[in-house]
Amino acid sequence: MQVALTLTPTEMLFRLYRLRWCAVTAALLIIGVVHFVLKVDFAYHPLLGLVSALTAWNLLVGLRLRRNWATTELEGFAHLAIDTLALSALLYWGGGSTSPF
């Protein structure tokens, strides 16, 4: 028997919001370990800038979720696209296929 999990766009956006905090935390931990423990030298400024931008974006999303505004599927898609671009940029600036990300 299959059970279909259906989420409203607002519930999906809230889950993305929480997952984005996990991604930001993981990225900061990885950057810290690579820099302080492994002593690997690569461009940290673009990585920290991307993580900062993603953090700022998520703070705005948190404020948006506190409002009682309708959420559309298009907005959810836009959030997924932003996350994909941000995580792809982290992979690129982190060293590509040999990246710790």
N, C-alpha and C. Protein backbone atom coordinates (compact mmCIF):
# COMPACT_ATOMS: atom_id res chain seq x y z
N MET A 1 0.83 -1.17 0.00
CA MET A 1 0.00 0.00 0.00
C MET A 1 0.89 1.24 0.00
N GLN A 2 0.61 2.17 -0.90
CA GLN A 2 1.38 3.40 -0.97
C GLN A 2 0.61 4.53 -0.31
N VAL A 3 1.35 5.34 0.41
CA VAL A 3 0.76 6.50 1.04
C VAL A 3 1.35 7.73 0.37
N ALA A 4 0.52 8.56 -0.17
CA ALA A 4 0.99 9.76 -0.84
C ALA A 4 1.15 10.88 0.19
N LEU A 5 2.30 11.50 0.18
CA LEU A 5 2.55 12.62 1.07
C LEU A 5 2.29 13.90 0.29
N THR A 6 1.27 14.59 0.67
CA THR A 6 0.96 15.83 -0.02
C THR A 6 1.20 17.00 0.93
N LEU A 7 1.95 17.95 0.45
CA LEU A 7 2.26 19.13 1.23
C LEU A 7 1.66 20.35 0.54
N THR A 8 1.20 21.26 1.33
CA THR A 8 0.78 22.53 0.75
C THR A 8 2.04 23.31 0.39
N PRO A 9 1.95 24.27 -0.51
CA PRO A 9 3.13 25.07 -0.84
C PRO A 9 3.77 25.74 0.38
N THR A 10 2.96 26.17 1.34
CA THR A 10 3.50 26.80 2.55
C THR A 10 4.28 25.79 3.38
N GLU A 11 3.76 24.57 3.52
CA GLU A 11 4.47 23.52 4.26
C GLU A 11 5.79 23.17 3.57
N MET A 12 5.76 23.13 2.23
CA MET A 12 6.97 22.84 1.48
C MET A 12 8.01 23.94 1.70
N LEU A 13 7.56 25.19 1.66
CA LEU A 13 8.46 26.32 1.86
C LEU A 13 9.06 26.29 3.26
N PHE A 14 8.28 25.92 4.25
CA PHE A 14 8.80 25.82 5.62
C PHE A 14 9.84 24.71 5.73
N ARG A 15 9.62 23.60 5.05
CA ARG A 15 10.62 22.53 5.05
C ARG A 15 11.90 22.96 4.35
N LEU A 16 11.76 23.67 3.24
CA LEU A 16 12.94 24.20 2.56
C LEU A 16 13.70 25.16 3.45
N TYR A 17 12.97 25.98 4.19
CA TYR A 17 13.56 26.92 5.13
C TYR A 17 14.42 26.18 6.17
N ARG A 18 13.87 25.13 6.74
CA ARG A 18 14.63 24.35 7.74
C ARG A 18 15.81 23.62 7.10
N LEU A 19 15.61 23.05 5.92
CA LEU A 19 16.71 22.36 5.23
C LEU A 19 17.82 23.32 4.84
N ARG A 20 17.46 24.55 4.48
CA ARG A 20 18.47 25.55 4.13
C ARG A 20 19.32 25.87 5.34
N TRP A 21 18.73 25.93 6.54
CA TRP A 21 19.54 26.15 7.75
C TRP A 21 20.50 25.00 7.95
N CYS A 22 20.06 23.79 7.66
CA CYS A 22 20.96 22.63 7.76
C CYS A 22 22.11 22.76 6.76
N ALA A 23 21.80 23.19 5.55
CA ALA A 23 22.83 23.35 4.52
C ALA A 23 23.83 24.44 4.90
N VAL A 24 23.34 25.56 5.43
CA VAL A 24 24.23 26.65 5.86
C VAL A 24 25.13 26.18 6.99
N THR A 25 24.56 25.49 7.96
CA THR A 25 25.36 24.98 9.09
C THR A 25 26.40 23.99 8.61
N ALA A 26 26.01 23.08 7.75
CA ALA A 26 26.95 22.08 7.23
C ALA A 26 28.07 22.75 6.43
N ALA A 27 27.72 23.74 5.62
CA ALA A 27 28.75 24.44 4.83
C ALA A 27 29.74 25.14 5.74
N LEU A 28 29.25 25.81 6.78
CA LEU A 28 30.15 26.49 7.70
C LEU A 28 31.05 25.50 8.45
N LEU A 29 30.48 24.38 8.86
CA LEU A 29 31.29 23.36 9.53
C LEU A 29 32.37 22.80 8.61
N ILE A 30 32.00 22.54 7.37
CA ILE A 30 32.98 21.99 6.41
C ILE A 30 34.07 23.02 6.12
N ILE A 31 33.68 24.28 5.93
CA ILE A 31 34.68 25.32 5.68
C ILE A 31 35.62 25.43 6.88
N GLY A 32 35.07 25.39 8.08
CA GLY A 32 35.90 25.46 9.28
C GLY A 32 36.85 24.29 9.41
N VAL A 33 36.36 23.09 9.17
CA VAL A 33 37.22 21.90 9.27
C VAL A 33 38.31 21.92 8.21
N VAL A 34 37.96 22.28 6.98
CA VAL A 34 38.93 22.30 5.90
C VAL A 34 40.00 23.37 6.17
N HIS A 35 39.58 24.51 6.70
CA HIS A 35 40.54 25.59 6.94
C HIS A 35 41.38 25.36 8.19
N PHE A 36 40.74 25.05 9.31
CA PHE A 36 41.46 24.98 10.59
C PHE A 36 42.06 23.62 10.89
N VAL A 37 41.43 22.55 10.45
CA VAL A 37 41.93 21.21 10.77
C VAL A 37 42.80 20.66 9.65
N LEU A 38 42.29 20.68 8.44
CA LEU A 38 43.02 20.10 7.31
C LEU A 38 44.05 21.06 6.71
N LYS A 39 43.93 22.34 7.04
CA LYS A 39 44.86 23.38 6.56
C LYS A 39 44.96 23.42 5.03
N VAL A 40 43.84 23.24 4.36
CA VAL A 40 43.80 23.31 2.90
C VAL A 40 43.66 24.78 2.51
N ASP A 41 44.43 25.19 1.51
CA ASP A 41 44.41 26.58 1.07
C ASP A 41 43.60 26.71 -0.22
N PHE A 42 42.46 27.36 -0.15
CA PHE A 42 41.69 27.71 -1.34
C PHE A 42 40.87 28.96 -1.05
N ALA A 43 40.12 29.42 -2.01
CA ALA A 43 39.39 30.69 -1.91
C ALA A 43 38.25 30.59 -0.89
N TYR A 44 38.50 31.11 0.30
CA TYR A 44 37.48 31.07 1.35
C TYR A 44 36.51 32.23 1.25
N HIS A 45 36.96 33.37 0.73
CA HIS A 45 36.09 34.55 0.68
C HIS A 45 34.84 34.33 -0.18
N PRO A 46 34.96 33.75 -1.38
CA PRO A 46 33.72 33.49 -2.14
C PRO A 46 32.80 32.50 -1.43
N LEU A 47 33.38 31.51 -0.77
CA LEU A 47 32.56 30.53 -0.06
C LEU A 47 31.81 31.18 1.09
N LEU A 48 32.52 31.99 1.88
CA LEU A 48 31.87 32.65 3.00
C LEU A 48 30.86 33.69 2.51
N GLY A 49 31.14 34.32 1.38
CA GLY A 49 30.18 35.25 0.80
C GLY A 49 28.90 34.55 0.37
N LEU A 50 29.06 33.38 -0.26
CA LEU A 50 27.88 32.61 -0.68
C LEU A 50 27.07 32.12 0.52
N VAL A 51 27.76 31.66 1.54
CA VAL A 51 27.05 31.20 2.74
C VAL A 51 26.36 32.37 3.42
N SER A 52 27.01 33.53 3.43
CA SER A 52 26.38 34.73 4.01
C SER A 52 25.14 35.14 3.22
N ALA A 53 25.23 35.09 1.90
CA ALA A 53 24.08 35.43 1.06
C ALA A 53 22.93 34.45 1.29
N LEU A 54 23.25 33.17 1.40
CA LEU A 54 22.23 32.16 1.65
C LEU A 54 21.61 32.35 3.03
N THR A 55 22.42 32.74 4.00
CA THR A 55 21.91 33.02 5.34
C THR A 55 20.96 34.23 5.32
N ALA A 56 21.37 35.29 4.63
CA ALA A 56 20.52 36.48 4.53
C ALA A 56 19.21 36.14 3.83
N TRP A 57 19.30 35.35 2.76
CA TRP A 57 18.09 34.94 2.04
C TRP A 57 17.16 34.16 2.97
N ASN A 58 17.73 33.26 3.76
CA ASN A 58 16.90 32.45 4.63
C ASN A 58 16.29 33.28 5.75
N LEU A 59 16.98 34.30 6.21
CA LEU A 59 16.39 35.19 7.21
C LEU A 59 15.17 35.91 6.61
N LEU A 60 15.29 36.34 5.36
CA LEU A 60 14.16 36.97 4.69
C LEU A 60 13.00 35.99 4.51
N VAL A 61 13.34 34.75 4.17
CA VAL A 61 12.30 33.73 4.02
C VAL A 61 11.61 33.49 5.36
N GLY A 62 12.38 33.49 6.45
CA GLY A 62 11.79 33.33 7.78
C GLY A 62 10.81 34.44 8.10
N LEU A 63 11.17 35.67 7.75
CA LEU A 63 10.25 36.79 7.95
C LEU A 63 9.00 36.64 7.08
N ARG A 64 9.20 36.16 5.86
CA ARG A 64 8.08 35.95 4.94
C ARG A 64 7.13 34.88 5.47
N LEU A 65 7.69 33.84 6.07
CA LEU A 65 6.85 32.76 6.58
C LEU A 65 6.02 33.19 7.79
N ARG A 66 6.47 34.23 8.48
CA ARG A 66 5.70 34.71 9.63
C ARG A 66 4.44 35.47 9.20
N ARG A 67 4.43 35.93 7.96
CA ARG A 67 3.27 36.63 7.43
C ARG A 67 2.24 35.60 6.96
N ASN A 68 1.04 36.01 6.90
CA ASN A 68 -0.02 35.11 6.46
C ASN A 68 -0.30 35.33 4.98
N TRP A 69 0.75 35.21 4.17
CA TRP A 69 0.62 35.39 2.72
C TRP A 69 0.50 34.02 2.06
N ALA A 70 -0.24 33.98 1.00
CA ALA A 70 -0.39 32.73 0.25
C ALA A 70 0.93 32.38 -0.44
N THR A 71 1.24 31.11 -0.45
CA THR A 71 2.45 30.61 -1.10
C THR A 71 2.03 29.84 -2.35
N THR A 72 2.72 30.10 -3.45
CA THR A 72 2.39 29.41 -4.69
C THR A 72 3.44 28.36 -5.00
N GLU A 73 3.11 27.48 -5.90
CA GLU A 73 4.07 26.47 -6.33
C GLU A 73 5.22 27.11 -7.10
N LEU A 74 4.94 28.20 -7.80
CA LEU A 74 5.99 28.92 -8.51
C LEU A 74 7.02 29.50 -7.54
N GLU A 75 6.55 29.99 -6.41
CA GLU A 75 7.47 30.49 -5.39
C GLU A 75 8.34 29.36 -4.84
N GLY A 76 7.73 28.21 -4.62
CA GLY A 76 8.50 27.04 -4.17
C GLY A 76 9.55 26.65 -5.18
N PHE A 77 9.19 26.68 -6.46
CA PHE A 77 10.16 26.38 -7.51
C PHE A 77 11.31 27.37 -7.50
N ALA A 78 10.99 28.65 -7.31
CA ALA A 78 12.03 29.68 -7.27
C ALA A 78 12.99 29.43 -6.11
N HIS A 79 12.48 29.01 -4.98
CA HIS A 79 13.33 28.70 -3.83
C HIS A 79 14.24 27.51 -4.14
N LEU A 80 13.70 26.49 -4.78
CA LEU A 80 14.53 25.34 -5.16
C LEU A 80 15.61 25.75 -6.15
N ALA A 81 15.27 26.64 -7.09
CA ALA A 81 16.25 27.12 -8.06
C ALA A 81 17.36 27.91 -7.37
N ILE A 82 17.01 28.76 -6.42
CA ILE A 82 18.02 29.52 -5.68
C ILE A 82 18.92 28.59 -4.89
N ASP A 83 18.35 27.59 -4.24
CA ASP A 83 19.16 26.63 -3.49
C ASP A 83 20.11 25.86 -4.41
N THR A 84 19.62 25.45 -5.57
CA THR A 84 20.45 24.72 -6.52
C THR A 84 21.60 25.58 -7.00
N LEU A 85 21.32 26.83 -7.33
CA LEU A 85 22.38 27.74 -7.78
C LEU A 85 23.39 28.00 -6.68
N ALA A 86 22.92 28.21 -5.47
CA ALA A 86 23.84 28.49 -4.35
C ALA A 86 24.72 27.28 -4.04
N LEU A 87 24.13 26.11 -4.00
CA LEU A 87 24.93 24.91 -3.69
C LEU A 87 25.87 24.56 -4.84
N SER A 88 25.45 24.83 -6.07
CA SER A 88 26.35 24.63 -7.21
C SER A 88 27.53 25.59 -7.15
N ALA A 89 27.27 26.84 -6.78
CA ALA A 89 28.35 27.82 -6.64
C ALA A 89 29.30 27.42 -5.52
N LEU A 90 28.77 26.89 -4.42
CA LEU A 90 29.63 26.39 -3.34
C LEU A 90 30.52 25.26 -3.84
N LEU A 91 29.96 24.38 -4.62
CA LEU A 91 30.75 23.29 -5.19
C LEU A 91 31.83 23.83 -6.12
N TYR A 92 31.48 24.80 -6.96
CA TYR A 92 32.44 25.38 -7.89
C TYR A 92 33.59 26.06 -7.15
N TRP A 93 33.26 26.96 -6.22
CA TRP A 93 34.30 27.71 -5.51
C TRP A 93 35.04 26.83 -4.50
N GLY A 94 34.46 25.71 -4.13
CA GLY A 94 35.12 24.82 -3.19
C GLY A 94 36.10 23.86 -3.84
N GLY A 95 36.25 23.90 -5.15
CA GLY A 95 37.23 23.06 -5.80
C GLY A 95 36.68 22.09 -6.81
N GLY A 96 35.43 22.24 -7.16
CA GLY A 96 34.85 21.37 -8.20
C GLY A 96 34.65 19.94 -7.72
N SER A 97 35.04 19.00 -8.56
CA SER A 97 34.79 17.59 -8.24
C SER A 97 35.66 17.09 -7.09
N THR A 98 36.71 17.78 -6.75
CA THR A 98 37.57 17.38 -5.63
C THR A 98 37.19 18.15 -4.36
N SER A 99 36.04 18.80 -4.39
CA SER A 99 35.60 19.66 -3.31
C SER A 99 35.21 18.86 -2.06
N PRO A 100 35.47 19.39 -0.86
CA PRO A 100 34.98 18.75 0.35
C PRO A 100 33.47 18.86 0.49
N PHE A 101 32.83 19.71 -0.32
CA PHE A 101 31.38 19.82 -0.29
C PHE A 101 30.74 18.67 -1.01
